[in-house]
């Protein structure tokens, strides 16, 4: 019998190696890049909103 026949996806894995806990975390570079993209995206969106608000207010 293979181990795949007894695999239960609802049962948490019982491994205590530090490698497993490290694999579950997002890499630090990816987190920094995600935050930078979110901030940059909001800055661009705010600039466009202000641009259209000023342009539409002069009518």
Protein backbone atom coordinates (compact mmCIF):
# COMPACT_ATOMS: atom_id res chain seq x y z
CA UNK A 1 0.00 0.00 0.00
CA UNK A 2 1.19 3.47 -0.73
CA UNK A 3 0.96 6.50 1.54
CA UNK A 4 -1.35 8.27 -0.90
CA UNK A 5 -4.15 5.82 -0.09
CA UNK A 6 -4.12 6.95 3.54
CA UNK A 7 -3.71 10.67 2.85
CA UNK A 8 -6.26 12.89 4.58
CA UNK A 9 -6.10 16.54 3.45
CA UNK A 10 -8.01 17.72 6.52
CA UNK A 11 -5.46 16.31 8.95
CA UNK A 12 -2.57 18.72 9.57
CA UNK A 13 0.90 17.48 8.82
CA UNK A 14 2.90 16.49 11.84
CA UNK A 15 6.39 17.49 10.88
CA UNK A 16 8.45 19.57 13.21
CA UNK A 17 11.34 20.47 10.96
CA UNK A 18 12.19 24.19 10.66
CA UNK A 19 12.25 23.82 6.88
CA UNK A 20 8.49 23.23 6.79
CA UNK A 21 7.71 26.36 8.79
CA UNK A 22 10.02 28.41 6.58
CA UNK A 23 8.26 27.21 3.42
CA UNK A 24 4.90 28.41 4.71
CA UNK A 25 6.06 32.02 5.08
CA UNK A 26 6.18 34.43 2.16
CA UNK A 27 9.70 35.51 1.20
CA UNK A 28 10.65 38.88 2.66
CA UNK A 29 11.47 40.35 -0.77
CA UNK A 30 8.01 39.47 -2.04
CA UNK A 31 6.35 41.16 0.94
CA UNK A 32 8.40 44.33 0.41
CA UNK A 33 7.60 44.33 -3.31
CA UNK A 34 3.89 43.80 -2.60
CA UNK A 35 3.77 46.73 -0.18
CA UNK A 36 5.72 48.93 -2.61
CA UNK A 37 3.33 48.09 -5.48
CA UNK A 38 0.30 48.75 -3.29
CA UNK A 39 1.64 52.12 -2.18
CA UNK A 40 2.69 53.09 -5.72
CA UNK A 41 -0.67 52.01 -7.13
CA UNK A 42 -2.57 54.10 -4.60
CA UNK A 43 -0.35 57.12 -5.27
CA UNK A 44 -1.01 56.86 -9.02
CA UNK A 45 -4.74 56.41 -8.41
CA UNK A 46 -4.83 59.44 -6.10
CA UNK A 47 -2.95 61.53 -8.68
CA UNK A 48 -5.42 60.57 -11.41
CA UNK A 49 -8.38 61.27 -9.12
CA UNK A 50 -7.03 64.73 -8.25
CA UNK A 51 -6.22 65.39 -11.92
CA UNK A 52 -9.77 64.61 -13.03
CA UNK A 53 -11.32 66.42 -10.04
CA UNK A 54 -9.40 69.62 -10.84
CA UNK A 55 -10.09 69.35 -14.58
CA UNK A 56 -13.80 68.73 -14.00
CA UNK A 57 -14.16 71.55 -11.50
CA UNK A 58 -13.28 74.29 -14.00
CA UNK A 59 -16.41 73.97 -16.10
